[in-house]
């Protein structure tokens, strides 16, 4: 009989969280460590990853800081050489430039694509072979609700977030026979440093809150549960999936309260 008590047990597994210096990445790293994983906290934000490691250790977990810049191929290659094979790879970083497409400049386009799409590819390229060699692994990338529903000013961001979904689906098909799973998470609106500017506009902030079924923004720890699930044996038959953690945003997008 299967022992369900250990479905989320990550003891003995090594996880790399890219973007662990703040926000969803930080919450994901601390959550993975809470379930027993040894977590390598990768980011360009040195003080941020030290804070994350501190949070992990306060809770009795095991973590280490790792300078990792997704925009620098040498940095990613050095991280892969230093860490060796990992069991879990979580890729959270993303950037956006809020402008109408016809006003977006070439360099701004490149900035978004370089991190969101090429950076994700670069991390997968560096760490997936180790998973294949050991015959197991879970790759978790962050997409967005914008991969499915868009608004003015987010055209290229949305394109990259849709692009990583298709990349992960292809990866799931290619690496499934080797025991490696690949999935994407699509958060809705989450209170992080990236979305902090929106809080300075009360009407904008409130409008986003009212677009989902729960009527509020998410906190980073509410996204981390999905990361733990995808990293663990609880999701052993889940691959190639896009999993929404959006408070019901995509279910009721364009909501209207009719006079019933």
C-alpha atoms as a PDB file:
ATOM      1  CA  UNK A   1       0.000   0.000   0.000  1.00  0.00           C
ATOM      2  CA  UNK A   2       1.298   3.462  -0.909  1.00  0.00           C
ATOM      3  CA  UNK A   3       2.376   5.530   2.103  1.00  0.00           C
ATOM      4  CA  UNK A   4       0.688   8.885   1.511  1.00  0.00           C
ATOM      5  CA  UNK A   5       2.389  10.461   4.520  1.00  0.00           C
ATOM      6  CA  UNK A   6       5.581  10.991   2.529  1.00  0.00           C
ATOM      7  CA  UNK A   7       4.137  12.452  -0.672  1.00  0.00           C
ATOM      8  CA  UNK A   8       5.602  15.900  -0.011  1.00  0.00           C
ATOM      9  CA  UNK A   9       8.823  14.735   1.627  1.00  0.00           C
ATOM     10  CA  UNK A  10      11.818  16.396  -0.097  1.00  0.00           C
ATOM     11  CA  UNK A  11      14.547  15.126   2.205  1.00  0.00           C
ATOM     12  CA  UNK A  12      17.656  14.070   0.319  1.00  0.00           C
ATOM     13  CA  UNK A  13      16.855  16.254  -2.701  1.00  0.00           C
ATOM     14  CA  UNK A  14      18.778  19.247  -3.971  1.00  0.00           C
ATOM     15  CA  UNK A  15      16.820  22.181  -5.358  1.00  0.00           C
ATOM     16  CA  UNK A  16      17.992  25.262  -7.199  1.00  0.00           C
ATOM     17  CA  UNK A  17      15.697  28.267  -7.072  1.00  0.00           C
ATOM     18  CA  UNK A  18      16.675  30.965  -9.551  1.00  0.00           C
ATOM     19  CA  UNK A  19      15.421  34.341  -8.391  1.00  0.00           C
ATOM     20  CA  UNK A  20      15.470  33.367  -4.715  1.00  0.00           C
ATOM     21  CA  UNK A  21      16.432  36.841  -3.540  1.00  0.00           C
ATOM     22  CA  UNK A  22      12.881  38.156  -3.231  1.00  0.00           C
ATOM     23  CA  UNK A  23       9.191  37.649  -3.895  1.00  0.00           C
ATOM     24  CA  UNK A  24       7.940  34.332  -5.221  1.00  0.00           C
ATOM     25  CA  UNK A  25      11.460  32.958  -5.580  1.00  0.00           C
ATOM     26  CA  UNK A  26      12.256  33.637  -1.953  1.00  0.00           C
ATOM     27  CA  UNK A  27       9.013  32.088  -0.746  1.00  0.00           C
ATOM     28  CA  UNK A  28       9.586  29.047  -2.968  1.00  0.00           C
ATOM     29  CA  UNK A  29      13.085  28.509  -1.617  1.00  0.00           C
ATOM     30  CA  UNK A  30      11.969  28.709   2.016  1.00  0.00           C
ATOM     31  CA  UNK A  31       9.012  26.404   1.365  1.00  0.00           C
ATOM     32  CA  UNK A  32      11.117  23.752  -0.378  1.00  0.00           C
ATOM     33  CA  UNK A  33      13.576  23.780   2.502  1.00  0.00           C
ATOM     34  CA  UNK A  34      10.718  23.446   4.998  1.00  0.00           C
ATOM     35  CA  UNK A  35       9.862  20.116   3.370  1.00  0.00           C
ATOM     36  CA  UNK A  36      13.430  18.863   3.633  1.00  0.00           C
ATOM     37  CA  UNK A  37      15.176  19.904   0.427  1.00  0.00           C
ATOM     38  CA  UNK A  38      18.675  21.340   0.415  1.00  0.00           C
ATOM     39  CA  UNK A  39      18.027  24.605  -1.406  1.00  0.00           C
ATOM     40  CA  UNK A  40      20.552  26.532  -3.462  1.00  0.00           C
ATOM     41  CA  UNK A  41      19.342  30.134  -3.586  1.00  0.00           C
ATOM     42  CA  UNK A  42      20.443  31.676  -6.885  1.00  0.00           C
ATOM     43  CA  UNK A  43      20.168  35.384  -7.702  1.00  0.00           C
ATOM     44  CA  UNK A  44      22.171  38.485  -8.595  1.00  0.00           C
ATOM     45  CA  UNK A  45      20.866  40.107  -5.405  1.00  0.00           C
ATOM     46  CA  UNK A  46      23.518  39.082  -2.883  1.00  0.00           C
ATOM     47  CA  UNK A  47      21.782  40.607   0.148  1.00  0.00           C
ATOM     48  CA  UNK A  48      18.481  39.071  -0.938  1.00  0.00           C
ATOM     49  CA  UNK A  49      19.789  35.530  -1.149  1.00  0.00           C
ATOM     50  CA  UNK A  50      21.580  35.896   2.170  1.00  0.00           C
ATOM     51  CA  UNK A  51      18.255  36.931   3.692  1.00  0.00           C
ATOM     52  CA  UNK A  52      16.577  33.907   2.113  1.00  0.00           C
ATOM     53  CA  UNK A  53      19.227  31.552   3.460  1.00  0.00           C
ATOM     54  CA  UNK A  54      18.749  33.160   6.875  1.00  0.00           C
ATOM     55  CA  UNK A  55      15.009  32.475   6.746  1.00  0.00           C
ATOM     56  CA  UNK A  56      15.669  28.865   5.769  1.00  0.00           C
ATOM     57  CA  UNK A  57      18.072  28.328   8.644  1.00  0.00           C
ATOM     58  CA  UNK A  58      15.752  29.955  11.189  1.00  0.00           C
ATOM     59  CA  UNK A  59      13.223  27.256  10.303  1.00  0.00           C
ATOM     60  CA  UNK A  60      15.850  24.540  10.677  1.00  0.00           C
ATOM     61  CA  UNK A  61      16.344  23.973   6.954  1.00  0.00           C
ATOM     62  CA  UNK A  62      19.407  23.716   4.758  1.00  0.00           C
ATOM     63  CA  UNK A  63      20.244  26.385   2.219  1.00  0.00           C
ATOM     64  CA  UNK A  64      23.151  28.078   0.529  1.00  0.00           C
ATOM     65  CA  UNK A  65      23.600  31.304  -1.416  1.00  0.00           C
ATOM     66  CA  UNK A  66      24.706  31.229  -5.036  1.00  0.00           C
ATOM     67  CA  UNK A  67      25.435  34.162  -7.313  1.00  0.00           C
ATOM     68  CA  UNK A  68      23.625  33.400 -10.563  1.00  0.00           C
ATOM     69  CA  UNK A  69      22.859  35.785 -13.415  1.00  0.00           C
ATOM     70  CA  UNK A  70      20.539  34.367 -16.083  1.00  0.00           C
ATOM     71  CA  UNK A  71      21.713  37.045 -18.509  1.00  0.00           C
ATOM     72  CA  UNK A  72      25.318  35.814 -18.294  1.00  0.00           C
ATOM     73  CA  UNK A  73      26.055  32.436 -19.923  1.00  0.00           C
ATOM     74  CA  UNK A  74      29.310  32.117 -17.969  1.00  0.00           C
ATOM     75  CA  UNK A  75      27.524  32.683 -14.667  1.00  0.00           C
ATOM     76  CA  UNK A  76      24.965  29.985 -15.446  1.00  0.00           C
ATOM     77  CA  UNK A  77      27.635  27.549 -16.629  1.00  0.00           C
ATOM     78  CA  UNK A  78      29.710  28.171 -13.492  1.00  0.00           C
ATOM     79  CA  UNK A  79      26.672  27.556 -11.278  1.00  0.00           C
ATOM     80  CA  UNK A  80      25.925  24.282 -13.050  1.00  0.00           C
ATOM     81  CA  UNK A  81      29.522  23.132 -12.644  1.00  0.00           C
ATOM     82  CA  UNK A  82      29.605  24.072  -8.978  1.00  0.00           C
ATOM     83  CA  UNK A  83      26.294  22.462  -8.024  1.00  0.00           C
ATOM     84  CA  UNK A  84      26.363  19.375 -10.196  1.00  0.00           C
ATOM     85  CA  UNK A  85      23.055  17.536 -10.729  1.00  0.00           C
ATOM     86  CA  UNK A  86      19.979  18.942  -8.998  1.00  0.00           C
ATOM     87  CA  UNK A  87      16.658  17.218  -8.405  1.00  0.00           C
ATOM     88  CA  UNK A  88      14.522  20.345  -8.668  1.00  0.00           C
ATOM     89  CA  UNK A  89      15.016  23.436 -10.813  1.00  0.00           C
ATOM     90  CA  UNK A  90      12.747  26.450 -10.210  1.00  0.00           C
ATOM     91  CA  UNK A  91      13.026  29.472 -12.534  1.00  0.00           C
ATOM     92  CA  UNK A  92      11.180  32.582 -11.360  1.00  0.00           C
ATOM     93  CA  UNK A  93      12.780  35.774 -12.790  1.00  0.00           C
ATOM     94  CA  UNK A  94      10.864  37.926 -15.241  1.00  0.00           C
ATOM     95  CA  UNK A  95      10.813  41.510 -16.457  1.00  0.00           C
ATOM     96  CA  UNK A  96       8.272  43.693 -18.222  1.00  0.00           C
ATOM     97  CA  UNK A  97       8.228  47.067 -19.948  1.00  0.00           C
ATOM     98  CA  UNK A  98       4.675  48.422 -19.901  1.00  0.00           C
ATOM     99  CA  UNK A  99       4.270  50.138 -23.256  1.00  0.00           C
ATOM    100  CA  UNK A 100       1.987  49.776 -26.275  1.00  0.00           C
ATOM    101  CA  UNK A 101       3.619  47.552 -28.873  1.00  0.00           C
ATOM    102  CA  UNK A 102       4.001  50.363 -31.386  1.00  0.00           C
ATOM    103  CA  UNK A 103       5.864  52.456 -28.820  1.00  0.00           C
ATOM    104  CA  UNK A 104       8.192  49.684 -27.664  1.00  0.00           C
ATOM    105  CA  UNK A 105      11.809  50.147 -28.705  1.00  0.00           C
ATOM    106  CA  UNK A 106      14.061  47.377 -30.038  1.00  0.00           C
ATOM    107  CA  UNK A 107      16.264  47.436 -26.943  1.00  0.00           C
ATOM    108  CA  UNK A 108      13.211  47.146 -24.680  1.00  0.00           C
ATOM    109  CA  UNK A 109      11.938  44.200 -26.711  1.00  0.00           C
ATOM    110  CA  UNK A 110      15.334  42.519 -26.390  1.00  0.00           C
ATOM    111  CA  UNK A 111      15.449  43.170 -22.638  1.00  0.00           C
ATOM    112  CA  UNK A 112      12.163  41.335 -22.069  1.00  0.00           C
ATOM    113  CA  UNK A 113      12.951  38.409 -24.356  1.00  0.00           C
ATOM    114  CA  UNK A 114      16.541  38.100 -23.125  1.00  0.00           C
ATOM    115  CA  UNK A 115      15.520  37.393 -19.538  1.00  0.00           C
ATOM    116  CA  UNK A 116      12.059  35.848 -19.757  1.00  0.00           C
ATOM    117  CA  UNK A 117      12.614  33.493 -22.669  1.00  0.00           C
ATOM    118  CA  UNK A 118      16.330  33.130 -23.329  1.00  0.00           C
ATOM    119  CA  UNK A 119      17.183  33.139 -19.625  1.00  0.00           C
ATOM    120  CA  UNK A 120      14.742  30.313 -18.990  1.00  0.00           C
ATOM    121  CA  UNK A 121      16.186  28.365 -21.908  1.00  0.00           C
ATOM    122  CA  UNK A 122      19.718  28.969 -20.640  1.00  0.00           C
ATOM    123  CA  UNK A 123      18.942  27.592 -17.169  1.00  0.00           C
ATOM    124  CA  UNK A 124      17.159  24.542 -18.570  1.00  0.00           C
ATOM    125  CA  UNK A 125      20.011  23.887 -20.987  1.00  0.00           C
ATOM    126  CA  UNK A 126      22.523  23.997 -18.141  1.00  0.00           C
ATOM    127  CA  UNK A 127      20.726  21.887 -15.529  1.00  0.00           C
ATOM    128  CA  UNK A 128      18.415  19.481 -17.359  1.00  0.00           C
ATOM    129  CA  UNK A 129      21.244  17.226 -18.627  1.00  0.00           C
ATOM    130  CA  UNK A 130      22.171  16.387 -15.030  1.00  0.00           C
ATOM    131  CA  UNK A 131      18.589  15.339 -14.385  1.00  0.00           C
ATOM    132  CA  UNK A 132      18.583  13.169 -17.479  1.00  0.00           C
ATOM    133  CA  UNK A 133      21.828  11.526 -16.360  1.00  0.00           C
ATOM    134  CA  UNK A 134      20.388  10.612 -12.958  1.00  0.00           C
ATOM    135  CA  UNK A 135      17.027   9.569 -14.413  1.00  0.00           C
ATOM    136  CA  UNK A 136      14.841  11.926 -12.412  1.00  0.00           C
ATOM    137  CA  UNK A 137      14.063  15.577 -11.866  1.00  0.00           C
ATOM    138  CA  UNK A 138      11.421  18.278 -11.791  1.00  0.00           C
ATOM    139  CA  UNK A 139      11.725  21.500 -13.788  1.00  0.00           C
ATOM    140  CA  UNK A 140       9.369  24.289 -12.721  1.00  0.00           C
ATOM    141  CA  UNK A 141       9.208  27.548 -14.643  1.00  0.00           C
ATOM    142  CA  UNK A 142       7.081  30.601 -14.027  1.00  0.00           C
ATOM    143  CA  UNK A 143       4.710  31.718 -16.715  1.00  0.00           C
ATOM    144  CA  UNK A 144       1.792  34.076 -15.982  1.00  0.00           C
ATOM    145  CA  UNK A 145      -1.905  34.576 -16.538  1.00  0.00           C
ATOM    146  CA  UNK A 146      -0.638  36.860 -19.305  1.00  0.00           C
ATOM    147  CA  UNK A 147       0.228  33.758 -21.293  1.00  0.00           C
ATOM    148  CA  UNK A 148      -3.529  33.386 -21.771  1.00  0.00           C
ATOM    149  CA  UNK A 149      -5.177  36.786 -21.223  1.00  0.00           C
ATOM    150  CA  UNK A 150      -3.617  40.129 -22.067  1.00  0.00           C
ATOM    151  CA  UNK A 151      -4.128  43.854 -21.714  1.00  0.00           C
ATOM    152  CA  UNK A 152      -2.588  46.919 -23.386  1.00  0.00           C
ATOM    153  CA  UNK A 153       1.072  47.409 -22.601  1.00  0.00           C
ATOM    154  CA  UNK A 154       1.999  43.771 -22.029  1.00  0.00           C
ATOM    155  CA  UNK A 155       2.275  42.360 -25.548  1.00  0.00           C
ATOM    156  CA  UNK A 156       5.888  41.204 -25.527  1.00  0.00           C
ATOM    157  CA  UNK A 157       5.783  40.125 -21.876  1.00  0.00           C
ATOM    158  CA  UNK A 158       2.709  38.030 -22.686  1.00  0.00           C
ATOM    159  CA  UNK A 159       4.433  36.553 -25.723  1.00  0.00           C
ATOM    160  CA  UNK A 160       7.420  35.434 -23.642  1.00  0.00           C
ATOM    161  CA  UNK A 161       5.208  33.949 -20.952  1.00  0.00           C
ATOM    162  CA  UNK A 162       3.271  32.008 -23.583  1.00  0.00           C
ATOM    163  CA  UNK A 163       6.585  31.012 -25.127  1.00  0.00           C
ATOM    164  CA  UNK A 164       7.952  29.423 -21.953  1.00  0.00           C
ATOM    165  CA  UNK A 165       4.783  27.332 -21.699  1.00  0.00           C
ATOM    166  CA  UNK A 166       5.355  25.834 -25.139  1.00  0.00           C
ATOM    167  CA  UNK A 167       9.042  25.366 -24.372  1.00  0.00           C
ATOM    168  CA  UNK A 168       8.175  23.448 -21.231  1.00  0.00           C
ATOM    169  CA  UNK A 169       5.586  21.323 -23.009  1.00  0.00           C
ATOM    170  CA  UNK A 170       8.183  20.347 -25.602  1.00  0.00           C
ATOM    171  CA  UNK A 171      10.667  19.625 -22.825  1.00  0.00           C
ATOM    172  CA  UNK A 172       8.124  17.434 -21.047  1.00  0.00           C
ATOM    173  CA  UNK A 173       7.680  15.407 -24.224  1.00  0.00           C
ATOM    174  CA  UNK A 174      11.406  15.110 -24.843  1.00  0.00           C
ATOM    175  CA  UNK A 175      12.537  14.298 -21.304  1.00  0.00           C
ATOM    176  CA  UNK A 176       9.585  12.301 -19.996  1.00  0.00           C
ATOM    177  CA  UNK A 177      11.094   8.958 -21.080  1.00  0.00           C
ATOM    178  CA  UNK A 178      14.188   9.823 -19.016  1.00  0.00           C
ATOM    179  CA  UNK A 179      12.135  10.429 -15.868  1.00  0.00           C
ATOM    180  CA  UNK A 180      12.315  14.235 -15.944  1.00  0.00           C
ATOM    181  CA  UNK A 181       9.125  16.254 -15.515  1.00  0.00           C
ATOM    182  CA  UNK A 182       8.624  19.852 -16.677  1.00  0.00           C
ATOM    183  CA  UNK A 183       5.743  22.136 -15.718  1.00  0.00           C
ATOM    184  CA  UNK A 184       4.818  25.808 -15.664  1.00  0.00           C
ATOM    185  CA  UNK A 185       3.031  27.868 -13.019  1.00  0.00           C
ATOM    186  CA  UNK A 186       0.848  30.824 -13.993  1.00  0.00           C
ATOM    187  CA  UNK A 187       0.328  33.209 -11.076  1.00  0.00           C
ATOM    188  CA  UNK A 188      -2.204  35.995 -11.080  1.00  0.00           C
ATOM    189  CA  UNK A 189      -1.526  39.254  -9.263  1.00  0.00           C
ATOM    190  CA  UNK A 190       1.003  38.763  -6.471  1.00  0.00           C
ATOM    191  CA  UNK A 191       2.420  41.344  -4.094  1.00  0.00           C
ATOM    192  CA  UNK A 192       6.136  41.330  -4.880  1.00  0.00           C
ATOM    193  CA  UNK A 193       8.840  43.959  -5.488  1.00  0.00           C
ATOM    194  CA  UNK A 194       8.059  43.643  -9.212  1.00  0.00           C
ATOM    195  CA  UNK A 195       4.443  44.750  -8.707  1.00  0.00           C
ATOM    196  CA  UNK A 196       5.177  47.329  -6.004  1.00  0.00           C
ATOM    197  CA  UNK A 197       4.672  50.286  -8.420  1.00  0.00           C
ATOM    198  CA  UNK A 198       1.035  49.251  -8.914  1.00  0.00           C
ATOM    199  CA  UNK A 199       0.331  49.680  -5.194  1.00  0.00           C
ATOM    200  CA  UNK A 200       1.114  53.368  -5.606  1.00  0.00           C
ATOM    201  CA  UNK A 201      -1.999  53.646  -7.787  1.00  0.00           C
ATOM    202  CA  UNK A 202      -4.946  52.685  -5.542  1.00  0.00           C
ATOM    203  CA  UNK A 203      -7.475  52.481  -8.385  1.00  0.00           C
ATOM    204  CA  UNK A 204      -5.195  50.236 -10.457  1.00  0.00           C
ATOM    205  CA  UNK A 205      -4.407  48.031  -7.447  1.00  0.00           C
ATOM    206  CA  UNK A 206      -8.089  47.686  -6.544  1.00  0.00           C
ATOM    207  CA  UNK A 207      -9.115  46.993 -10.138  1.00  0.00           C
ATOM    208  CA  UNK A 208      -6.733  44.028 -10.326  1.00  0.00           C
ATOM    209  CA  UNK A 209      -7.998  42.700  -6.986  1.00  0.00           C
ATOM    210  CA  UNK A 210     -11.569  42.754  -8.239  1.00  0.00           C
ATOM    211  CA  UNK A 211     -10.743  40.896 -11.437  1.00  0.00           C
ATOM    212  CA  UNK A 212     -10.391  37.582  -9.609  1.00  0.00           C
ATOM    213  CA  UNK A 213     -12.884  35.470  -7.715  1.00  0.00           C
ATOM    214  CA  UNK A 214     -11.257  36.015  -4.325  1.00  0.00           C
ATOM    215  CA  UNK A 215     -11.226  39.789  -4.653  1.00  0.00           C
ATOM    216  CA  UNK A 216      -7.647  40.262  -3.495  1.00  0.00           C
ATOM    217  CA  UNK A 217      -4.000  40.001  -4.427  1.00  0.00           C
ATOM    218  CA  UNK A 218      -1.933  36.926  -3.546  1.00  0.00           C
ATOM    219  CA  UNK A 219       1.021  36.825  -1.186  1.00  0.00           C
ATOM    220  CA  UNK A 220       4.196  35.022  -2.336  1.00  0.00           C
ATOM    221  CA  UNK A 221       3.729  32.149   0.121  1.00  0.00           C
ATOM    222  CA  UNK A 222       0.396  31.341  -1.553  1.00  0.00           C
ATOM    223  CA  UNK A 223       2.282  30.533  -4.760  1.00  0.00           C
ATOM    224  CA  UNK A 224       4.986  28.504  -3.046  1.00  0.00           C
ATOM    225  CA  UNK A 225       2.622  25.621  -2.287  1.00  0.00           C
ATOM    226  CA  UNK A 226       2.358  24.838  -5.976  1.00  0.00           C
ATOM    227  CA  UNK A 227       6.138  24.780  -6.227  1.00  0.00           C
ATOM    228  CA  UNK A 228       6.359  22.252  -3.386  1.00  0.00           C
ATOM    229  CA  UNK A 229       3.670  20.151  -5.043  1.00  0.00           C
ATOM    230  CA  UNK A 230       5.471  20.077  -8.412  1.00  0.00           C
ATOM    231  CA  UNK A 231       8.812  19.363  -6.753  1.00  0.00           C
ATOM    232  CA  UNK A 232       7.465  16.421  -4.764  1.00  0.00           C
ATOM    233  CA  UNK A 233       6.233  12.921  -5.478  1.00  0.00           C
ATOM    234  CA  UNK A 234       2.695  14.210  -4.994  1.00  0.00           C
ATOM    235  CA  UNK A 235       2.922  15.347  -8.631  1.00  0.00           C
ATOM    236  CA  UNK A 236       4.798  12.318  -9.960  1.00  0.00           C
ATOM    237  CA  UNK A 237       2.323  11.920 -12.861  1.00  0.00           C
ATOM    238  CA  UNK A 238       2.148  15.629 -13.713  1.00  0.00           C
ATOM    239  CA  UNK A 239       4.217  16.929 -16.614  1.00  0.00           C
ATOM    240  CA  UNK A 240       3.715  19.326 -19.488  1.00  0.00           C
ATOM    241  CA  UNK A 241       1.085  21.186 -17.476  1.00  0.00           C
ATOM    242  CA  UNK A 242       0.303  24.881 -17.039  1.00  0.00           C
ATOM    243  CA  UNK A 243      -1.074  25.262 -13.520  1.00  0.00           C
ATOM    244  CA  UNK A 244      -2.893  28.448 -12.557  1.00  0.00           C
ATOM    245  CA  UNK A 245      -2.579  30.007  -9.119  1.00  0.00           C
ATOM    246  CA  UNK A 246      -4.576  33.114  -9.911  1.00  0.00           C
ATOM    247  CA  UNK A 247      -7.449  33.375  -7.446  1.00  0.00           C
ATOM    248  CA  UNK A 248      -9.853  32.489 -10.243  1.00  0.00           C
ATOM    249  CA  UNK A 249      -8.762  35.328 -12.569  1.00  0.00           C
ATOM    250  CA  UNK A 250      -8.784  33.263 -15.765  1.00  0.00           C
ATOM    251  CA  UNK A 251     -12.019  31.546 -14.773  1.00  0.00           C
ATOM    252  CA  UNK A 252     -13.942  34.811 -14.582  1.00  0.00           C
ATOM    253  CA  UNK A 253     -11.856  37.116 -16.770  1.00  0.00           C
ATOM    254  CA  UNK A 254     -13.964  40.045 -17.887  1.00  0.00           C
ATOM    255  CA  UNK A 255     -16.304  39.471 -14.942  1.00  0.00           C
ATOM    256  CA  UNK A 256     -19.595  41.277 -14.838  1.00  0.00           C
ATOM    257  CA  UNK A 257     -22.116  41.129 -12.041  1.00  0.00           C
ATOM    258  CA  UNK A 258     -25.494  40.831 -13.818  1.00  0.00           C
ATOM    259  CA  UNK A 259     -28.658  42.073 -12.114  1.00  0.00           C
ATOM    260  CA  UNK A 260     -29.948  38.620 -11.215  1.00  0.00           C
END
